[in-house]
Amino acid sequence: MMPLTKVQEGAKAILRVVDGGQELRGRLASLGLLPGTELEVIRNSGHGPFVIAVKGSRVVIGRGMASRMEVE
């Protein structure tokens, strides 16, 4: 497993663990990001917002959130 921030643009990954408190897990769950969810990295330029595609929608999250999401 690795943090979502290490996944290159265009690659797909499966969310396995959210390393954060109840508030972070709840926020991500409201965006459809639950453990077991497949996602695709749309934008990971090393700075600025992090864009992913999940369940047919594009979601923008901060780098701090992305770094706490473990994927494989």
PDB file of N, CA and C in Angstrom:
ATOM      1  N   MET A   1       0.834  -1.186   0.000  1.00  0.00           N
ATOM      2  CA  MET A   1       0.000   0.000   0.000  1.00  0.00           C
ATOM      3  C   MET A   1       0.877   1.248   0.000  1.00  0.00           C
ATOM      4  N   MET A   2       0.295   2.341  -0.470  1.00  0.00           N
ATOM      5  CA  MET A   2       1.002   3.614  -0.534  1.00  0.00           C
ATOM      6  C   MET A   2      -0.002   4.747  -0.426  1.00  0.00           C
ATOM      7  N   PRO A   3       0.475   5.952  -0.101  1.00  0.00           N
ATOM      8  CA  PRO A   3      -0.446   7.085  -0.054  1.00  0.00           C
ATOM      9  C   PRO A   3      -0.945   7.430  -1.459  1.00  0.00           C
ATOM     10  N   LEU A   4      -2.137   7.944  -1.550  1.00  0.00           N
ATOM     11  CA  LEU A   4      -2.717   8.320  -2.837  1.00  0.00           C
ATOM     12  C   LEU A   4      -1.847   9.336  -3.565  1.00  0.00           C
ATOM     13  N   THR A   5      -1.131  10.171  -2.844  1.00  0.00           N
ATOM     14  CA  THR A   5      -0.277  11.187  -3.465  1.00  0.00           C
ATOM     15  C   THR A   5       0.846  10.591  -4.308  1.00  0.00           C
ATOM     16  N   LYS A   6       1.156   9.311  -4.135  1.00  0.00           N
ATOM     17  CA  LYS A   6       2.224   8.648  -4.895  1.00  0.00           C
ATOM     18  C   LYS A   6       1.727   8.045  -6.213  1.00  0.00           C
ATOM     19  N   VAL A   7       0.407   8.048  -6.429  1.00  0.00           N
ATOM     20  CA  VAL A   7      -0.169   7.456  -7.638  1.00  0.00           C
ATOM     21  C   VAL A   7      -0.079   8.468  -8.779  1.00  0.00           C
ATOM     22  N   GLN A   8       0.378   8.021  -9.932  1.00  0.00           N
ATOM     23  CA  GLN A   8       0.553   8.911 -11.078  1.00  0.00           C
ATOM     24  C   GLN A   8      -0.763   9.179 -11.784  1.00  0.00           C
ATOM     25  N   GLU A   9      -0.811  10.293 -12.497  1.00  0.00           N
ATOM     26  CA  GLU A   9      -1.999  10.662 -13.266  1.00  0.00           C
ATOM     27  C   GLU A   9      -2.351   9.558 -14.250  1.00  0.00           C
ATOM     28  N   GLY A  10      -3.639   9.269 -14.374  1.00  0.00           N
ATOM     29  CA  GLY A  10      -4.119   8.244 -15.290  1.00  0.00           C
ATOM     30  C   GLY A  10      -4.178   6.854 -14.693  1.00  0.00           C
ATOM     31  N   ALA A  11      -3.558   6.653 -13.533  1.00  0.00           N
ATOM     32  CA  ALA A  11      -3.547   5.333 -12.904  1.00  0.00           C
ATOM     33  C   ALA A  11      -4.788   5.141 -12.035  1.00  0.00           C
ATOM     34  N   LYS A  12      -5.203   3.901 -11.918  1.00  0.00           N
ATOM     35  CA  LYS A  12      -6.326   3.551 -11.056  1.00  0.00           C
ATOM     36  C   LYS A  12      -5.803   2.898  -9.783  1.00  0.00           C
ATOM     37  N   ALA A  13      -6.559   3.044  -8.714  1.00  0.00           N
ATOM     38  CA  ALA A  13      -6.179   2.469  -7.427  1.00  0.00           C
ATOM     39  C   ALA A  13      -7.440   2.144  -6.642  1.00  0.00           C
ATOM     40  N   ILE A  14      -7.272   1.334  -5.620  1.00  0.00           N
ATOM     41  CA  ILE A  14      -8.390   0.992  -4.731  1.00  0.00           C
ATOM     42  C   ILE A  14      -8.071   1.542  -3.354  1.00  0.00           C
ATOM     43  N   LEU A  15      -9.001   2.319  -2.825  1.00  0.00           N
ATOM     44  CA  LEU A  15      -8.842   2.888  -1.493  1.00  0.00           C
ATOM     45  C   LEU A  15      -8.950   1.769  -0.469  1.00  0.00           C
ATOM     46  N   ARG A  16      -7.961   1.658   0.404  1.00  0.00           N
ATOM     47  CA  ARG A  16      -7.956   0.606   1.418  1.00  0.00           C
ATOM     48  C   ARG A  16      -8.145   1.150   2.826  1.00  0.00           C
ATOM     49  N   VAL A  17      -7.422   2.223   3.177  1.00  0.00           N
ATOM     50  CA  VAL A  17      -7.451   2.737   4.549  1.00  0.00           C
ATOM     51  C   VAL A  17      -7.414   4.259   4.519  1.00  0.00           C
ATOM     52  N   VAL A  18      -8.203   4.883   5.400  1.00  0.00           N
ATOM     53  CA  VAL A  18      -8.103   6.325   5.615  1.00  0.00           C
ATOM     54  C   VAL A  18      -7.467   6.521   6.984  1.00  0.00           C
ATOM     55  N   ASP A  19      -6.277   7.088   6.989  1.00  0.00           N
ATOM     56  CA  ASP A  19      -5.527   7.302   8.223  1.00  0.00           C
ATOM     57  C   ASP A  19      -5.886   8.675   8.793  1.00  0.00           C
ATOM     58  N   GLY A  20      -7.017   8.724   9.466  1.00  0.00           N
ATOM     59  CA  GLY A  20      -7.475   9.991  10.024  1.00  0.00           C
ATOM     60  C   GLY A  20      -8.604   9.769  11.000  1.00  0.00           C
ATOM     61  N   GLY A  21      -9.061  10.839  11.572  1.00  0.00           N
ATOM     62  CA  GLY A  21     -10.125  10.781  12.555  1.00  0.00           C
ATOM     63  C   GLY A  21     -11.499  10.638  11.932  1.00  0.00           C
ATOM     64  N   GLN A  22     -12.491  10.634  12.799  1.00  0.00           N
ATOM     65  CA  GLN A  22     -13.874  10.457  12.376  1.00  0.00           C
ATOM     66  C   GLN A  22     -14.311  11.556  11.398  1.00  0.00           C
ATOM     67  N   GLU A  23     -13.871  12.778  11.637  1.00  0.00           N
ATOM     68  CA  GLU A  23     -14.258  13.888  10.764  1.00  0.00           C
ATOM     69  C   GLU A  23     -13.744  13.685   9.344  1.00  0.00           C
ATOM     70  N   LEU A  24     -12.480  13.310   9.199  1.00  0.00           N
ATOM     71  CA  LEU A  24     -11.908  13.076   7.875  1.00  0.00           C
ATOM     72  C   LEU A  24     -12.588  11.895   7.196  1.00  0.00           C
ATOM     73  N   ARG A  25     -12.767  10.806   7.904  1.00  0.00           N
ATOM     74  CA  ARG A  25     -13.429   9.634   7.320  1.00  0.00           C
ATOM     75  C   ARG A  25     -14.855   9.965   6.891  1.00  0.00           C
ATOM     76  N   GLY A  26     -15.558  10.760   7.703  1.00  0.00           N
ATOM     77  CA  GLY A  26     -16.923  11.160   7.357  1.00  0.00           C
ATOM     78  C   GLY A  26     -16.959  12.052   6.129  1.00  0.00           C
ATOM     79  N   ARG A  27     -16.025  12.984   6.033  1.00  0.00           N
ATOM     80  CA  ARG A  27     -15.962  13.889   4.878  1.00  0.00           C
ATOM     81  C   ARG A  27     -15.708  13.099   3.602  1.00  0.00           C
ATOM     82  N   LEU A  28     -14.753  12.176   3.651  1.00  0.00           N
ATOM     83  CA  LEU A  28     -14.448  11.367   2.472  1.00  0.00           C
ATOM     84  C   LEU A  28     -15.618  10.442   2.124  1.00  0.00           C
ATOM     85  N   ALA A  29     -16.277   9.891   3.119  1.00  0.00           N
ATOM     86  CA  ALA A  29     -17.434   9.021   2.869  1.00  0.00           C
ATOM     87  C   ALA A  29     -18.546   9.801   2.170  1.00  0.00           C
ATOM     88  N   SER A  30     -18.731  11.060   2.547  1.00  0.00           N
ATOM     89  CA  SER A  30     -19.773  11.873   1.907  1.00  0.00           C
ATOM     90  C   SER A  30     -19.451  12.141   0.437  1.00  0.00           C
ATOM     91  N   LEU A  31     -18.174  12.024   0.065  1.00  0.00           N
ATOM     92  CA  LEU A  31     -17.759  12.183  -1.329  1.00  0.00           C
ATOM     93  C   LEU A  31     -17.752  10.853  -2.082  1.00  0.00           C
ATOM     94  N   GLY A  32     -18.161   9.767  -1.409  1.00  0.00           N
ATOM     95  CA  GLY A  32     -18.179   8.447  -2.030  1.00  0.00           C
ATOM     96  C   GLY A  32     -16.874   7.697  -1.903  1.00  0.00           C
ATOM     97  N   LEU A  33     -15.985   8.179  -1.056  1.00  0.00           N
ATOM     98  CA  LEU A  33     -14.671   7.560  -0.892  1.00  0.00           C
ATOM     99  C   LEU A  33     -14.640   6.690   0.360  1.00  0.00           C
ATOM    100  N   LEU A  34     -15.037   5.448   0.183  1.00  0.00           N
ATOM    101  CA  LEU A  34     -15.053   4.459   1.259  1.00  0.00           C
ATOM    102  C   LEU A  34     -14.025   3.383   0.948  1.00  0.00           C
ATOM    103  N   PRO A  35     -13.492   2.704   1.968  1.00  0.00           N
ATOM    104  CA  PRO A  35     -12.566   1.592   1.696  1.00  0.00           C
ATOM    105  C   PRO A  35     -13.180   0.595   0.711  1.00  0.00           C
ATOM    106  N   GLY A  36     -12.385   0.189  -0.268  1.00  0.00           N
ATOM    107  CA  GLY A  36     -12.840  -0.730  -1.306  1.00  0.00           C
ATOM    108  C   GLY A  36     -13.260  -0.033  -2.590  1.00  0.00           C
ATOM    109  N   THR A  37     -13.345   1.292  -2.566  1.00  0.00           N
ATOM    110  CA  THR A  37     -13.762   2.064  -3.726  1.00  0.00           C
ATOM    111  C   THR A  37     -12.616   2.211  -4.722  1.00  0.00           C
ATOM    112  N   GLU A  38     -12.917   1.957  -6.006  1.00  0.00           N
ATOM    113  CA  GLU A  38     -11.921   2.164  -7.056  1.00  0.00           C
ATOM    114  C   GLU A  38     -11.957   3.627  -7.475  1.00  0.00           C
ATOM    115  N   LEU A  39     -10.791   4.198  -7.682  1.00  0.00           N
ATOM    116  CA  LEU A  39     -10.701   5.578  -8.128  1.00  0.00           C
ATOM    117  C   LEU A  39      -9.596   5.722  -9.154  1.00  0.00           C
ATOM    118  N   GLU A  40      -9.659   6.812  -9.909  1.00  0.00           N
ATOM    119  CA  GLU A  40      -8.635   7.099 -10.912  1.00  0.00           C
ATOM    120  C   GLU A  40      -8.084   8.489 -10.646  1.00  0.00           C
ATOM    121  N   VAL A  41      -6.770   8.610 -10.687  1.00  0.00           N
ATOM    122  CA  VAL A  41      -6.129   9.907 -10.468  1.00  0.00           C
ATOM    123  C   VAL A  41      -6.186  10.695 -11.777  1.00  0.00           C
ATOM    124  N   ILE A  42      -6.832  11.851 -11.741  1.00  0.00           N
ATOM    125  CA  ILE A  42      -6.950  12.716 -12.912  1.00  0.00           C
ATOM    126  C   ILE A  42      -5.837  13.755 -12.915  1.00  0.00           C
ATOM    127  N   ARG A  43      -5.566  14.343 -11.747  1.00  0.00           N
ATOM    128  CA  ARG A  43      -4.519  15.355 -11.656  1.00  0.00           C
ATOM    129  C   ARG A  43      -3.709  15.182 -10.386  1.00  0.00           C
ATOM    130  N   ASN A  44      -2.405  15.033 -10.569  1.00  0.00           N
ATOM    131  CA  ASN A  44      -1.461  14.940  -9.455  1.00  0.00           C
ATOM    132  C   ASN A  44      -0.171  15.605  -9.921  1.00  0.00           C
ATOM    133  N   SER A  45      -0.174  16.927  -9.899  1.00  0.00           N
ATOM    134  CA  SER A  45       0.961  17.668 -10.442  1.00  0.00           C
ATOM    135  C   SER A  45       2.045  17.966  -9.407  1.00  0.00           C
ATOM    136  N   GLY A  46       1.853  17.513  -8.174  1.00  0.00           N
ATOM    137  CA  GLY A  46       2.852  17.758  -7.140  1.00  0.00           C
ATOM    138  C   GLY A  46       2.580  19.002  -6.329  1.00  0.00           C
ATOM    139  N   HIS A  47       1.658  19.828  -6.790  1.00  0.00           N
ATOM    140  CA  HIS A  47       1.238  21.012  -6.046  1.00  0.00           C
ATOM    141  C   HIS A  47      -0.206  21.349  -6.442  1.00  0.00           C
ATOM    142  N   GLY A  48      -0.871  22.115  -5.647  1.00  0.00           N
ATOM    143  CA  GLY A  48      -2.258  22.466  -5.946  1.00  0.00           C
ATOM    144  C   GLY A  48      -3.205  21.330  -5.629  1.00  0.00           C
ATOM    145  N   PRO A  49      -4.456  21.475  -6.048  1.00  0.00           N
ATOM    146  CA  PRO A  49      -5.461  20.462  -5.713  1.00  0.00           C
ATOM    147  C   PRO A  49      -5.187  19.126  -6.379  1.00  0.00           C
ATOM    148  N   PHE A  50      -5.749  18.103  -5.775  1.00  0.00           N
ATOM    149  CA  PHE A  50      -5.613  16.727  -6.233  1.00  0.00           C
ATOM    150  C   PHE A  50      -6.979  16.334  -6.792  1.00  0.00           C
ATOM    151  N   VAL A  51      -7.052  15.899  -8.053  1.00  0.00           N
ATOM    152  CA  VAL A  51      -8.324  15.576  -8.692  1.00  0.00           C
ATOM    153  C   VAL A  51      -8.388  14.081  -8.965  1.00  0.00           C
ATOM    154  N   ILE A  52      -9.492  13.467  -8.531  1.00  0.00           N
ATOM    155  CA  ILE A  52      -9.704  12.041  -8.774  1.00  0.00           C
ATOM    156  C   ILE A  52     -11.091  11.820  -9.361  1.00  0.00           C
ATOM    157  N   ALA A  53     -11.259  10.706 -10.040  1.00  0.00           N
ATOM    158  CA  ALA A  53     -12.565  10.290 -10.549  1.00  0.00           C
ATOM    159  C   ALA A  53     -13.012   9.107  -9.706  1.00  0.00           C
ATOM    160  N   VAL A  54     -14.247   9.204  -9.214  1.00  0.00           N
ATOM    161  CA  VAL A  54     -14.804   8.124  -8.407  1.00  0.00           C
ATOM    162  C   VAL A  54     -16.298   8.003  -8.715  1.00  0.00           C
ATOM    163  N   LYS A  55     -16.721   6.797  -9.070  1.00  0.00           N
ATOM    164  CA  LYS A  55     -18.125   6.520  -9.362  1.00  0.00           C
ATOM    165  C   LYS A  55     -18.720   7.492 -10.386  1.00  0.00           C
ATOM    166  N   GLY A  56     -17.954   7.785 -11.438  1.00  0.00           N
ATOM    167  CA  GLY A  56     -18.455   8.637 -12.504  1.00  0.00           C
ATOM    168  C   GLY A  56     -18.400  10.128 -12.239  1.00  0.00           C
ATOM    169  N   SER A  57     -17.859  10.547 -11.123  1.00  0.00           N
ATOM    170  CA  SER A  57     -17.749  11.969 -10.788  1.00  0.00           C
ATOM    171  C   SER A  57     -16.297  12.347 -10.547  1.00  0.00           C
ATOM    172  N   ARG A  58     -15.996  13.609 -10.762  1.00  0.00           N
ATOM    173  CA  ARG A  58     -14.658  14.122 -10.430  1.00  0.00           C
ATOM    174  C   ARG A  58     -14.735  14.797  -9.078  1.00  0.00           C
ATOM    175  N   VAL A  59     -13.749  14.508  -8.251  1.00  0.00           N
ATOM    176  CA  VAL A  59     -13.703  15.026  -6.889  1.00  0.00           C
ATOM    177  C   VAL A  59     -12.358  15.717  -6.695  1.00  0.00           C
ATOM    178  N   VAL A  60     -12.404  16.914  -6.123  1.00  0.00           N
ATOM    179  CA  VAL A  60     -11.185  17.657  -5.825  1.00  0.00           C
ATOM    180  C   VAL A  60     -10.955  17.597  -4.319  1.00  0.00           C
ATOM    181  N   ILE A  61      -9.775  17.141  -3.924  1.00  0.00           N
ATOM    182  CA  ILE A  61      -9.427  17.079  -2.504  1.00  0.00           C
ATOM    183  C   ILE A  61      -8.060  17.728  -2.302  1.00  0.00           C
ATOM    184  N   GLY A  62      -7.782  18.117  -1.092  1.00  0.00           N
ATOM    185  CA  GLY A  62      -6.493  18.702  -0.775  1.00  0.00           C
ATOM    186  C   GLY A  62      -5.410  17.643  -0.680  1.00  0.00           C
ATOM    187  N   ARG A  63      -4.178  18.074  -0.817  1.00  0.00           N
ATOM    188  CA  ARG A  63      -3.048  17.146  -0.723  1.00  0.00           C
ATOM    189  C   ARG A  63      -2.952  16.502   0.649  1.00  0.00           C
ATOM    190  N   GLY A  64      -3.311  17.237   1.695  1.00  0.00           N
ATOM    191  CA  GLY A  64      -3.278  16.667   3.038  1.00  0.00           C
ATOM    192  C   GLY A  64      -4.219  15.489   3.164  1.00  0.00           C
ATOM    193  N   MET A  65      -5.425  15.630   2.608  1.00  0.00           N
ATOM    194  CA  MET A  65      -6.386  14.520   2.618  1.00  0.00           C
ATOM    195  C   MET A  65      -5.850  13.345   1.804  1.00  0.00           C
ATOM    196  N   ALA A  66      -5.333  13.643   0.624  1.00  0.00           N
ATOM    197  CA  ALA A  66      -4.823  12.584  -0.256  1.00  0.00           C
ATOM    198  C   ALA A  66      -3.673  11.823   0.391  1.00  0.00           C
ATOM    199  N   SER A  67      -2.855  12.519   1.157  1.00  0.00           N
ATOM    200  CA  SER A  67      -1.714  11.847   1.800  1.00  0.00           C
ATOM    201  C   SER A  67      -2.145  10.901   2.904  1.00  0.00           C
ATOM    202  N   ARG A  68      -3.357  11.058   3.416  1.00  0.00           N
ATOM    203  CA  ARG A  68      -3.866  10.177   4.476  1.00  0.00           C
ATOM    204  C   ARG A  68      -4.690   9.005   3.934  1.00  0.00           C
ATOM    205  N   MET A  69      -4.797   8.932   2.627  1.00  0.00           N
ATOM    206  CA  MET A  69      -5.549   7.842   1.982  1.00  0.00           C
ATOM    207  C   MET A  69      -4.573   6.797   1.462  1.00  0.00           C
ATOM    208  N   GLU A  70      -4.628   5.592   2.026  1.00  0.00           N
ATOM    209  CA  GLU A  70      -3.750   4.492   1.605  1.00  0.00           C
ATOM    210  C   GLU A  70      -4.462   3.689   0.515  1.00  0.00           C
ATOM    211  N   VAL A  71      -3.772   3.477  -0.593  1.00  0.00           N
ATOM    212  CA  VAL A  71      -4.356   2.758  -1.737  1.00  0.00           C
ATOM    213  C   VAL A  71      -3.425   1.635  -2.180  1.00  0.00           C
ATOM    214  N   GLU A  72      -3.977   0.782  -3.028  1.00  0.00           N
ATOM    215  CA  GLU A  72      -3.148  -0.239  -3.679  1.00  0.00           C
ATOM    216  C   GLU A  72      -3.584  -0.407  -5.117  1.00  0.00           C
TER     217      GLU A  72
END
